[in-house]
Amino acid sequence: MKEDEKKKRLDFLFQNEAFLKNLDQVKNEDERRKIKAFSEDFFLKFLEGFEKIKKISEEHPDIVAKVAEKRIDKK
């Protein structure tokens, strides 16, 4: 992922009111930095994972459909 794309996505994360509210509840500045760094890393990897799933789904919709069909509860 390019740096400008990372920045854009992290800007989106840091505009999330719920995230910011919870981050503000952490009083220890060192802990807050650790949580923020972890959140950034997790968020970017989470989005990268979804992009890969999207790409696989677009390239191989028939295979994805077969796999999904086996996972759907028939009840």
N, C-alpha and C. Protein backbone atom coordinates (compact mmCIF):
# COMPACT_ATOMS: atom_id res chain seq x y z
N MET A 1 0.85 -1.17 0.00
CA MET A 1 0.00 0.00 0.00
C MET A 1 0.90 1.24 0.00
N LYS A 2 0.55 2.19 -0.83
CA LYS A 2 1.34 3.41 -0.95
C LYS A 2 1.13 4.31 0.27
N GLU A 3 2.12 5.15 0.51
CA GLU A 3 2.08 6.03 1.69
C GLU A 3 0.89 6.98 1.70
N ASP A 4 0.55 7.51 0.52
CA ASP A 4 -0.60 8.43 0.48
C ASP A 4 -1.90 7.70 0.79
N GLU A 5 -1.99 6.44 0.36
CA GLU A 5 -3.18 5.64 0.66
C GLU A 5 -3.24 5.31 2.15
N LYS A 6 -2.09 4.98 2.74
CA LYS A 6 -2.03 4.72 4.19
C LYS A 6 -2.49 5.95 4.97
N LYS A 7 -1.98 7.11 4.56
CA LYS A 7 -2.34 8.35 5.26
C LYS A 7 -3.84 8.61 5.17
N LYS A 8 -4.40 8.41 3.99
CA LYS A 8 -5.83 8.62 3.78
C LYS A 8 -6.66 7.70 4.67
N ARG A 9 -6.26 6.45 4.76
CA ARG A 9 -6.98 5.49 5.59
C ARG A 9 -6.83 5.78 7.07
N LEU A 10 -5.63 6.17 7.48
CA LEU A 10 -5.43 6.50 8.88
C LEU A 10 -6.17 7.77 9.25
N ASP A 11 -6.29 8.70 8.32
CA ASP A 11 -7.11 9.90 8.57
C ASP A 11 -8.55 9.49 8.84
N PHE A 12 -9.03 8.51 8.08
CA PHE A 12 -10.39 8.00 8.29
C PHE A 12 -10.52 7.40 9.69
N LEU A 13 -9.52 6.62 10.11
CA LEU A 13 -9.55 6.01 11.44
C LEU A 13 -9.59 7.09 12.51
N PHE A 14 -8.78 8.12 12.37
CA PHE A 14 -8.68 9.14 13.40
C PHE A 14 -9.79 10.19 13.32
N GLN A 15 -10.73 10.00 12.43
CA GLN A 15 -11.94 10.81 12.41
C GLN A 15 -13.10 10.07 13.07
N ASN A 16 -12.86 8.82 13.44
CA ASN A 16 -13.89 8.00 14.06
C ASN A 16 -14.08 8.42 15.51
N GLU A 17 -15.24 8.95 15.82
CA GLU A 17 -15.52 9.50 17.15
C GLU A 17 -15.41 8.46 18.25
N ALA A 18 -15.92 7.25 18.00
CA ALA A 18 -15.87 6.20 19.02
C ALA A 18 -14.43 5.82 19.34
N PHE A 19 -13.61 5.71 18.31
CA PHE A 19 -12.19 5.38 18.53
C PHE A 19 -11.50 6.47 19.33
N LEU A 20 -11.71 7.71 18.92
CA LEU A 20 -11.06 8.83 19.61
C LEU A 20 -11.54 8.95 21.06
N LYS A 21 -12.82 8.75 21.28
CA LYS A 21 -13.37 8.83 22.64
C LYS A 21 -12.73 7.78 23.54
N ASN A 22 -12.61 6.56 23.03
CA ASN A 22 -11.99 5.50 23.83
C ASN A 22 -10.50 5.74 24.02
N LEU A 23 -9.84 6.24 23.02
CA LEU A 23 -8.41 6.54 23.14
C LEU A 23 -8.18 7.63 24.18
N ASP A 24 -9.06 8.61 24.23
CA ASP A 24 -8.94 9.70 25.21
C ASP A 24 -9.13 9.22 26.64
N GLN A 25 -9.79 8.10 26.83
CA GLN A 25 -10.00 7.56 28.17
C GLN A 25 -8.74 6.97 28.78
N VAL A 26 -7.73 6.70 27.93
CA VAL A 26 -6.47 6.16 28.43
C VAL A 26 -5.65 7.33 28.97
N LYS A 27 -5.40 7.31 30.26
CA LYS A 27 -4.73 8.44 30.91
C LYS A 27 -3.21 8.40 30.74
N ASN A 28 -2.64 7.22 30.70
CA ASN A 28 -1.19 7.07 30.57
C ASN A 28 -0.78 7.35 29.13
N GLU A 29 0.05 8.36 28.93
CA GLU A 29 0.46 8.78 27.58
C GLU A 29 1.22 7.68 26.84
N ASP A 30 2.06 6.94 27.56
CA ASP A 30 2.82 5.86 26.94
C ASP A 30 1.88 4.75 26.46
N GLU A 31 0.89 4.41 27.28
CA GLU A 31 -0.10 3.41 26.88
C GLU A 31 -0.91 3.89 25.69
N ARG A 32 -1.26 5.15 25.69
CA ARG A 32 -2.03 5.73 24.59
C ARG A 32 -1.25 5.62 23.28
N ARG A 33 0.04 5.90 23.32
CA ARG A 33 0.88 5.79 22.12
C ARG A 33 0.93 4.34 21.63
N LYS A 34 1.06 3.40 22.57
CA LYS A 34 1.10 1.98 22.21
C LYS A 34 -0.22 1.54 21.57
N ILE A 35 -1.32 1.95 22.16
CA ILE A 35 -2.64 1.60 21.63
C ILE A 35 -2.84 2.22 20.25
N LYS A 36 -2.43 3.45 20.10
CA LYS A 36 -2.57 4.14 18.81
C LYS A 36 -1.74 3.44 17.74
N ALA A 37 -0.49 3.08 18.05
CA ALA A 37 0.37 2.39 17.09
C ALA A 37 -0.20 1.03 16.71
N PHE A 38 -0.69 0.30 17.72
CA PHE A 38 -1.29 -1.01 17.45
C PHE A 38 -2.54 -0.84 16.59
N SER A 39 -3.36 0.14 16.90
CA SER A 39 -4.59 0.38 16.15
C SER A 39 -4.30 0.72 14.69
N GLU A 40 -3.31 1.55 14.47
CA GLU A 40 -2.93 1.91 13.10
C GLU A 40 -2.52 0.67 12.32
N ASP A 41 -1.64 -0.12 12.92
CA ASP A 41 -1.14 -1.32 12.26
C ASP A 41 -2.27 -2.31 11.99
N PHE A 42 -3.10 -2.55 12.99
CA PHE A 42 -4.21 -3.49 12.85
C PHE A 42 -5.19 -3.02 11.78
N PHE A 43 -5.54 -1.74 11.81
CA PHE A 43 -6.51 -1.18 10.87
C PHE A 43 -6.03 -1.33 9.43
N LEU A 44 -4.76 -1.00 9.19
CA LEU A 44 -4.22 -1.09 7.84
C LEU A 44 -4.17 -2.55 7.36
N LYS A 45 -3.75 -3.46 8.22
CA LYS A 45 -3.69 -4.87 7.84
C LYS A 45 -5.09 -5.44 7.63
N PHE A 46 -6.04 -5.01 8.42
CA PHE A 46 -7.43 -5.43 8.28
C PHE A 46 -7.96 -5.02 6.91
N LEU A 47 -7.72 -3.77 6.52
CA LEU A 47 -8.18 -3.29 5.22
C LEU A 47 -7.46 -3.98 4.07
N GLU A 48 -6.16 -4.24 4.24
CA GLU A 48 -5.42 -4.96 3.20
C GLU A 48 -6.00 -6.36 3.01
N GLY A 49 -6.38 -7.00 4.10
CA GLY A 49 -6.98 -8.32 4.02
C GLY A 49 -8.28 -8.29 3.23
N PHE A 50 -9.11 -7.30 3.51
CA PHE A 50 -10.36 -7.18 2.77
C PHE A 50 -10.12 -6.89 1.29
N GLU A 51 -9.09 -6.11 0.99
CA GLU A 51 -8.77 -5.86 -0.42
C GLU A 51 -8.37 -7.14 -1.12
N LYS A 52 -7.62 -7.99 -0.44
CA LYS A 52 -7.22 -9.27 -1.04
C LYS A 52 -8.43 -10.17 -1.26
N ILE A 53 -9.34 -10.18 -0.28
CA ILE A 53 -10.57 -10.97 -0.44
C ILE A 53 -11.38 -10.46 -1.62
N LYS A 54 -11.47 -9.15 -1.75
CA LYS A 54 -12.21 -8.55 -2.87
C LYS A 54 -11.59 -8.95 -4.21
N LYS A 55 -10.27 -8.88 -4.27
CA LYS A 55 -9.57 -9.23 -5.51
C LYS A 55 -9.79 -10.70 -5.86
N ILE A 56 -9.68 -11.58 -4.88
CA ILE A 56 -9.92 -13.00 -5.12
C ILE A 56 -11.35 -13.23 -5.59
N SER A 57 -12.30 -12.54 -4.95
CA SER A 57 -13.71 -12.69 -5.32
C SER A 57 -13.97 -12.22 -6.74
N GLU A 58 -13.31 -11.17 -7.15
CA GLU A 58 -13.49 -10.65 -8.51
C GLU A 58 -12.83 -11.55 -9.55
N GLU A 59 -11.67 -12.11 -9.21
CA GLU A 59 -10.94 -12.94 -10.16
C GLU A 59 -11.50 -14.36 -10.26
N HIS A 60 -12.07 -14.87 -9.16
CA HIS A 60 -12.54 -16.25 -9.11
C HIS A 60 -13.92 -16.35 -8.44
N PRO A 61 -14.93 -15.70 -9.00
CA PRO A 61 -16.24 -15.70 -8.33
C PRO A 61 -16.86 -17.09 -8.22
N ASP A 62 -16.59 -17.96 -9.20
CA ASP A 62 -17.16 -19.30 -9.16
C ASP A 62 -16.60 -20.12 -8.00
N ILE A 63 -15.32 -20.02 -7.77
CA ILE A 63 -14.70 -20.75 -6.66
C ILE A 63 -15.17 -20.20 -5.32
N VAL A 64 -15.24 -18.88 -5.21
CA VAL A 64 -15.72 -18.25 -3.98
C VAL A 64 -17.15 -18.66 -3.69
N ALA A 65 -17.98 -18.72 -4.72
CA ALA A 65 -19.38 -19.12 -4.55
C ALA A 65 -19.48 -20.56 -4.04
N LYS A 66 -18.64 -21.44 -4.57
CA LYS A 66 -18.65 -22.84 -4.13
C LYS A 66 -18.25 -22.95 -2.66
N VAL A 67 -17.23 -22.20 -2.28
CA VAL A 67 -16.79 -22.22 -0.88
C VAL A 67 -17.86 -21.65 0.03
N ALA A 68 -18.45 -20.54 -0.36
CA ALA A 68 -19.50 -19.90 0.44
C ALA A 68 -20.72 -20.81 0.57
N GLU A 69 -21.04 -21.51 -0.50
CA GLU A 69 -22.20 -22.41 -0.48
C GLU A 69 -22.04 -23.49 0.60
N LYS A 70 -20.83 -23.97 0.78
CA LYS A 70 -20.58 -25.00 1.80
C LYS A 70 -20.67 -24.44 3.20
N ARG A 71 -20.49 -23.13 3.36
CA ARG A 71 -20.50 -22.49 4.68
C ARG A 71 -21.87 -22.01 5.11
N ILE A 72 -22.81 -21.91 4.17
CA ILE A 72 -24.14 -21.38 4.49
C ILE A 72 -24.97 -22.45 5.19
N ASP A 73 -25.52 -22.10 6.34
CA ASP A 73 -26.36 -23.01 7.09
C ASP A 73 -27.66 -23.21 6.32
N LYS A 74 -28.03 -24.45 6.11
CA LYS A 74 -29.21 -24.77 5.32
C LYS A 74 -30.52 -24.70 6.10
N LYS A 75 -30.45 -24.43 7.39
CA LYS A 75 -31.66 -24.41 8.24
C LYS A 75 -32.45 -23.15 8.06
